[in-house]
């Protein structure tokens, strides 16, 4: 499923378009610990987090993630937005909780890592 479909179906706000919404999402990962995401996420995952600081962009780039969904109506810091634009990392935003986003993605067929 492409990011643009997830954006539409979950009514997500695009904060930074990054490489575009045509990127394919191969799975999902939920964590607020950067070291956990670095160790356990996989390329193509959509990352669900409440973190808003610039280090999320570094992790998304390193792990070749499809994008980041920031939950709870949290807005990324200005440095985060600038870094995401530079690195072409897609950041989406929602008022939903991590639990709700995960459930909706699961209903759409997006699964976690095996």
N, C-alpha and C. Protein backbone atom coordinates (compact mmCIF):
# COMPACT_ATOMS: atom_id res chain seq x y z
N UNK A 1 0.85 -1.17 0.00
CA UNK A 1 0.00 0.00 0.00
C UNK A 1 0.90 1.24 0.00
N UNK A 2 0.51 2.23 -0.75
CA UNK A 2 1.30 3.46 -0.86
C UNK A 2 0.95 4.45 0.26
N UNK A 3 1.92 5.31 0.57
CA UNK A 3 1.71 6.33 1.59
C UNK A 3 0.48 7.19 1.31
N UNK A 4 0.25 7.51 0.03
CA UNK A 4 -0.89 8.38 -0.30
C UNK A 4 -2.21 7.72 0.07
N UNK A 5 -2.31 6.40 -0.05
CA UNK A 5 -3.53 5.70 0.33
C UNK A 5 -3.72 5.72 1.84
N UNK A 6 -2.63 5.50 2.57
CA UNK A 6 -2.68 5.54 4.03
C UNK A 6 -3.04 6.94 4.49
N UNK A 7 -2.45 7.95 3.88
CA UNK A 7 -2.74 9.34 4.23
C UNK A 7 -4.24 9.61 4.09
N UNK A 8 -4.80 9.18 2.97
CA UNK A 8 -6.22 9.43 2.71
C UNK A 8 -7.12 8.64 3.66
N UNK A 9 -6.86 7.36 3.82
CA UNK A 9 -7.73 6.50 4.62
C UNK A 9 -7.68 6.82 6.11
N UNK A 10 -6.55 7.31 6.60
CA UNK A 10 -6.42 7.66 8.02
C UNK A 10 -6.56 9.15 8.25
N UNK A 11 -6.82 9.91 7.16
CA UNK A 11 -6.99 11.36 7.24
C UNK A 11 -5.78 12.02 7.92
N UNK A 12 -4.59 11.68 7.42
CA UNK A 12 -3.35 12.21 7.98
C UNK A 12 -2.99 13.54 7.33
N UNK A 13 -2.31 14.38 8.08
CA UNK A 13 -1.83 15.66 7.58
C UNK A 13 -0.38 15.48 7.13
N UNK A 14 -0.05 15.98 5.95
CA UNK A 14 1.34 15.93 5.48
C UNK A 14 2.09 17.11 6.07
N UNK A 15 3.14 16.81 6.82
CA UNK A 15 4.00 17.85 7.38
C UNK A 15 5.17 18.10 6.43
N UNK A 16 5.81 17.00 5.99
CA UNK A 16 6.89 17.06 5.00
C UNK A 16 6.62 15.94 4.00
N UNK A 17 6.59 16.28 2.72
CA UNK A 17 6.28 15.27 1.71
C UNK A 17 7.45 14.33 1.42
N UNK A 18 8.65 14.77 1.68
CA UNK A 18 9.81 13.89 1.50
C UNK A 18 9.97 13.43 0.07
N UNK A 19 10.15 12.13 -0.12
CA UNK A 19 10.31 11.56 -1.46
C UNK A 19 8.97 11.38 -2.16
N UNK A 20 7.92 11.80 -1.50
CA UNK A 20 6.61 11.71 -2.12
C UNK A 20 5.75 10.65 -1.49
N UNK A 21 4.48 10.73 -1.77
CA UNK A 21 3.51 9.82 -1.18
C UNK A 21 3.30 8.57 -2.02
N UNK A 22 4.11 8.40 -3.06
CA UNK A 22 4.03 7.20 -3.90
C UNK A 22 4.85 6.05 -3.31
N UNK A 23 5.56 6.31 -2.23
CA UNK A 23 6.42 5.29 -1.63
C UNK A 23 5.56 4.15 -1.08
N UNK A 24 6.01 2.93 -1.32
CA UNK A 24 5.30 1.73 -0.88
C UNK A 24 5.62 1.45 0.59
N UNK A 25 4.58 1.17 1.37
CA UNK A 25 4.75 0.81 2.78
C UNK A 25 4.72 -0.71 2.87
N UNK A 26 5.82 -1.29 3.38
CA UNK A 26 5.96 -2.74 3.43
C UNK A 26 5.62 -3.34 4.79
N UNK A 27 5.47 -2.48 5.79
CA UNK A 27 5.17 -2.94 7.14
C UNK A 27 5.11 -1.75 8.07
N UNK A 28 4.91 -2.02 9.34
CA UNK A 28 4.81 -0.94 10.30
C UNK A 28 5.63 -1.21 11.54
N UNK A 29 6.01 -0.14 12.22
CA UNK A 29 6.75 -0.27 13.47
C UNK A 29 6.33 0.85 14.41
N UNK A 30 6.09 0.52 15.67
CA UNK A 30 5.67 1.49 16.67
C UNK A 30 6.67 1.48 17.82
N UNK A 31 7.27 2.63 18.08
CA UNK A 31 8.16 2.77 19.23
C UNK A 31 8.53 4.23 19.38
N UNK A 32 8.78 4.61 20.62
CA UNK A 32 9.26 5.96 20.91
C UNK A 32 10.73 5.96 21.33
N UNK A 33 11.32 4.79 21.38
CA UNK A 33 12.74 4.68 21.71
C UNK A 33 13.54 4.58 20.42
N UNK A 34 14.36 5.57 20.16
CA UNK A 34 15.11 5.60 18.91
C UNK A 34 16.01 4.38 18.76
N UNK A 35 16.63 3.94 19.85
CA UNK A 35 17.52 2.77 19.76
C UNK A 35 16.74 1.52 19.37
N UNK A 36 15.50 1.42 19.83
CA UNK A 36 14.65 0.28 19.48
C UNK A 36 14.32 0.30 17.99
N UNK A 37 13.95 1.46 17.48
CA UNK A 37 13.63 1.60 16.06
C UNK A 37 14.86 1.30 15.22
N UNK A 38 16.00 1.80 15.66
CA UNK A 38 17.24 1.56 14.92
C UNK A 38 17.57 0.07 14.88
N UNK A 39 17.33 -0.63 15.96
CA UNK A 39 17.67 -2.05 16.04
C UNK A 39 16.65 -2.97 15.37
N UNK A 40 15.38 -2.57 15.36
CA UNK A 40 14.34 -3.54 14.98
C UNK A 40 13.43 -3.19 13.81
N UNK A 41 13.41 -1.93 13.38
CA UNK A 41 12.56 -1.61 12.23
C UNK A 41 13.23 -2.11 10.95
N UNK A 42 12.46 -2.17 9.90
CA UNK A 42 12.98 -2.65 8.62
C UNK A 42 12.70 -1.63 7.52
N UNK A 43 13.53 -1.67 6.50
CA UNK A 43 13.33 -0.79 5.34
C UNK A 43 11.90 -0.95 4.83
N UNK A 44 11.28 0.19 4.52
CA UNK A 44 9.92 0.17 4.00
C UNK A 44 8.84 0.26 5.07
N UNK A 45 9.23 0.20 6.35
CA UNK A 45 8.26 0.34 7.43
C UNK A 45 7.77 1.78 7.52
N UNK A 46 6.53 1.93 7.96
CA UNK A 46 6.01 3.23 8.38
C UNK A 46 6.19 3.24 9.90
N UNK A 47 6.80 4.30 10.42
CA UNK A 47 7.12 4.38 11.85
C UNK A 47 6.10 5.27 12.55
N UNK A 48 5.49 4.75 13.59
CA UNK A 48 4.52 5.49 14.40
C UNK A 48 5.20 5.88 15.71
N UNK A 49 5.19 7.19 16.01
CA UNK A 49 5.88 7.67 17.21
C UNK A 49 5.28 8.97 17.71
N UNK A 50 5.59 9.31 18.96
CA UNK A 50 5.23 10.62 19.49
C UNK A 50 6.45 11.55 19.49
N UNK A 51 7.59 11.04 19.12
CA UNK A 51 8.83 11.85 19.10
C UNK A 51 8.74 12.93 18.01
N UNK A 52 9.27 14.10 18.30
CA UNK A 52 9.19 15.21 17.34
C UNK A 52 10.55 15.87 17.07
N UNK A 53 11.61 15.39 17.71
CA UNK A 53 12.91 16.03 17.54
C UNK A 53 13.63 15.53 16.30
N UNK A 54 14.66 16.22 15.91
CA UNK A 54 15.32 15.97 14.62
C UNK A 54 15.95 14.59 14.48
N UNK A 55 16.23 13.90 15.57
CA UNK A 55 16.85 12.59 15.47
C UNK A 55 15.94 11.54 14.82
N UNK A 56 14.63 11.80 14.78
CA UNK A 56 13.74 10.84 14.11
C UNK A 56 14.04 10.78 12.61
N UNK A 57 14.48 11.90 12.07
CA UNK A 57 14.81 11.94 10.64
C UNK A 57 16.06 11.11 10.37
N UNK A 58 17.03 11.21 11.25
CA UNK A 58 18.26 10.43 11.09
C UNK A 58 17.97 8.93 11.10
N UNK A 59 17.10 8.50 12.01
CA UNK A 59 16.74 7.08 12.10
C UNK A 59 15.98 6.65 10.84
N UNK A 60 15.03 7.46 10.41
CA UNK A 60 14.25 7.13 9.21
C UNK A 60 15.15 7.01 7.98
N UNK A 61 16.13 7.88 7.90
CA UNK A 61 17.07 7.84 6.78
C UNK A 61 17.95 6.60 6.86
N UNK A 62 18.52 6.37 8.03
CA UNK A 62 19.40 5.22 8.24
C UNK A 62 18.71 3.90 7.92
N UNK A 63 17.46 3.76 8.36
CA UNK A 63 16.72 2.51 8.20
C UNK A 63 15.91 2.45 6.90
N UNK A 64 15.96 3.51 6.09
CA UNK A 64 15.23 3.57 4.83
C UNK A 64 13.72 3.31 5.04
N UNK A 65 13.18 4.00 6.04
CA UNK A 65 11.76 3.84 6.35
C UNK A 65 10.91 4.56 5.31
N UNK A 66 9.69 4.08 5.13
CA UNK A 66 8.78 4.68 4.16
C UNK A 66 8.34 6.07 4.61
N UNK A 67 8.26 6.27 5.91
CA UNK A 67 7.85 7.56 6.45
C UNK A 67 7.61 7.45 7.93
N UNK A 68 7.23 8.60 8.52
CA UNK A 68 6.99 8.70 9.95
C UNK A 68 5.58 9.26 10.17
N UNK A 69 4.83 8.65 11.07
CA UNK A 69 3.55 9.21 11.51
C UNK A 69 3.73 9.67 12.95
N UNK A 70 3.58 10.96 13.17
CA UNK A 70 3.64 11.53 14.51
C UNK A 70 2.22 11.60 15.06
N UNK A 71 2.03 11.00 16.23
CA UNK A 71 0.69 10.86 16.81
C UNK A 71 0.35 11.97 17.79
N UNK A 72 -0.92 12.01 18.20
CA UNK A 72 -1.36 12.88 19.26
C UNK A 72 -1.32 14.37 18.96
N UNK A 73 -1.42 14.71 17.67
CA UNK A 73 -1.38 16.13 17.26
C UNK A 73 -0.10 16.85 17.64
N UNK A 74 0.96 16.10 17.88
CA UNK A 74 2.24 16.74 18.19
C UNK A 74 2.84 17.27 16.89
N UNK A 75 3.42 18.44 16.98
CA UNK A 75 4.05 19.06 15.82
C UNK A 75 5.56 18.90 15.91
N UNK A 76 6.20 18.48 14.82
CA UNK A 76 7.66 18.35 14.86
C UNK A 76 8.32 19.71 15.02
N UNK A 77 9.48 19.70 15.66
CA UNK A 77 10.26 20.92 15.84
C UNK A 77 10.67 21.46 14.48
N UNK A 78 10.92 22.74 14.40
CA UNK A 78 11.32 23.38 13.14
C UNK A 78 12.59 22.74 12.57
N UNK A 79 13.55 22.41 13.44
CA UNK A 79 14.77 21.74 12.97
C UNK A 79 14.46 20.37 12.37
N UNK A 80 13.47 19.70 12.93
CA UNK A 80 13.05 18.39 12.40
C UNK A 80 12.49 18.55 11.00
N UNK A 81 11.66 19.54 10.81
CA UNK A 81 11.06 19.79 9.50
C UNK A 81 12.14 20.12 8.48
N UNK A 82 13.07 20.98 8.83
CA UNK A 82 14.15 21.35 7.91
C UNK A 82 15.02 20.15 7.55
N UNK A 83 15.34 19.34 8.55
CA UNK A 83 16.15 18.16 8.30
C UNK A 83 15.40 17.15 7.42
N UNK A 84 14.10 16.98 7.67
CA UNK A 84 13.29 16.06 6.86
C UNK A 84 13.21 16.53 5.42
N UNK A 85 13.07 17.83 5.21
CA UNK A 85 13.05 18.37 3.85
C UNK A 85 14.38 18.11 3.16
N UNK A 86 15.46 18.33 3.86
CA UNK A 86 16.80 18.10 3.29
C UNK A 86 17.04 16.63 2.96
N UNK A 87 16.63 15.74 3.88
CA UNK A 87 16.85 14.30 3.70
C UNK A 87 15.74 13.61 2.92
N UNK A 88 14.68 14.38 2.59
CA UNK A 88 13.54 13.87 1.83
C UNK A 88 12.81 12.74 2.57
N UNK A 89 12.59 12.95 3.85
CA UNK A 89 11.86 12.00 4.70
C UNK A 89 10.42 12.49 4.85
N UNK A 90 9.47 11.62 4.58
CA UNK A 90 8.06 11.97 4.70
C UNK A 90 7.63 11.91 6.16
N UNK A 91 7.01 13.01 6.61
CA UNK A 91 6.45 13.06 7.96
C UNK A 91 4.96 13.40 7.85
N UNK A 92 4.16 12.56 8.50
CA UNK A 92 2.71 12.75 8.56
C UNK A 92 2.32 12.96 10.01
N UNK A 93 1.16 13.56 10.22
CA UNK A 93 0.71 13.91 11.56
C UNK A 93 -0.75 13.50 11.72
N UNK A 94 -1.12 13.12 12.95
CA UNK A 94 -2.50 12.74 13.25
C UNK A 94 -2.84 13.07 14.70
N UNK A 95 -4.11 13.24 14.98
CA UNK A 95 -4.57 13.42 16.35
C UNK A 95 -4.78 12.07 17.03
N UNK A 96 -4.78 11.00 16.25
CA UNK A 96 -5.01 9.67 16.79
C UNK A 96 -3.86 9.23 17.71
N UNK A 97 -4.13 8.25 18.56
CA UNK A 97 -3.10 7.65 19.41
C UNK A 97 -2.34 6.59 18.60
N UNK A 98 -1.22 6.16 19.14
CA UNK A 98 -0.44 5.10 18.49
C UNK A 98 -1.27 3.83 18.38
N UNK A 99 -2.05 3.55 19.40
CA UNK A 99 -2.90 2.36 19.40
C UNK A 99 -3.92 2.41 18.27
N UNK A 100 -4.55 3.57 18.11
CA UNK A 100 -5.56 3.72 17.06
C UNK A 100 -4.93 3.62 15.67
N UNK A 101 -3.81 4.29 15.47
CA UNK A 101 -3.13 4.25 14.16
C UNK A 101 -2.72 2.82 13.83
N UNK A 102 -2.14 2.14 14.81
CA UNK A 102 -1.70 0.75 14.59
C UNK A 102 -2.87 -0.14 14.20
N UNK A 103 -3.99 0.00 14.92
CA UNK A 103 -5.17 -0.80 14.61
C UNK A 103 -5.71 -0.54 13.22
N UNK A 104 -5.76 0.73 12.84
CA UNK A 104 -6.25 1.09 11.50
C UNK A 104 -5.32 0.55 10.41
N UNK A 105 -4.01 0.66 10.63
CA UNK A 105 -3.06 0.13 9.65
C UNK A 105 -3.18 -1.39 9.54
N UNK A 106 -3.38 -2.04 10.67
CA UNK A 106 -3.54 -3.48 10.66
C UNK A 106 -4.78 -3.88 9.86
N UNK A 107 -5.86 -3.14 10.06
CA UNK A 107 -7.10 -3.40 9.29
C UNK A 107 -6.88 -3.22 7.79
N UNK A 108 -5.93 -2.35 7.43
CA UNK A 108 -5.63 -2.11 6.01
C UNK A 108 -4.65 -3.14 5.45
N UNK A 109 -4.19 -4.05 6.29
CA UNK A 109 -3.28 -5.10 5.82
C UNK A 109 -1.82 -4.83 6.08
N UNK A 110 -1.49 -3.73 6.75
CA UNK A 110 -0.10 -3.43 7.09
C UNK A 110 0.25 -4.22 8.35
N UNK A 111 1.28 -5.00 8.29
CA UNK A 111 1.68 -5.85 9.41
C UNK A 111 3.03 -5.41 9.97
N UNK A 112 3.32 -5.88 11.17
CA UNK A 112 4.60 -5.61 11.81
C UNK A 112 5.68 -6.54 11.28
N UNK A 113 6.86 -6.37 11.84
CA UNK A 113 7.99 -7.20 11.44
C UNK A 113 7.85 -8.62 12.00
N UNK A 114 8.42 -9.55 11.27
CA UNK A 114 8.37 -10.96 11.70
C UNK A 114 9.72 -11.36 12.22
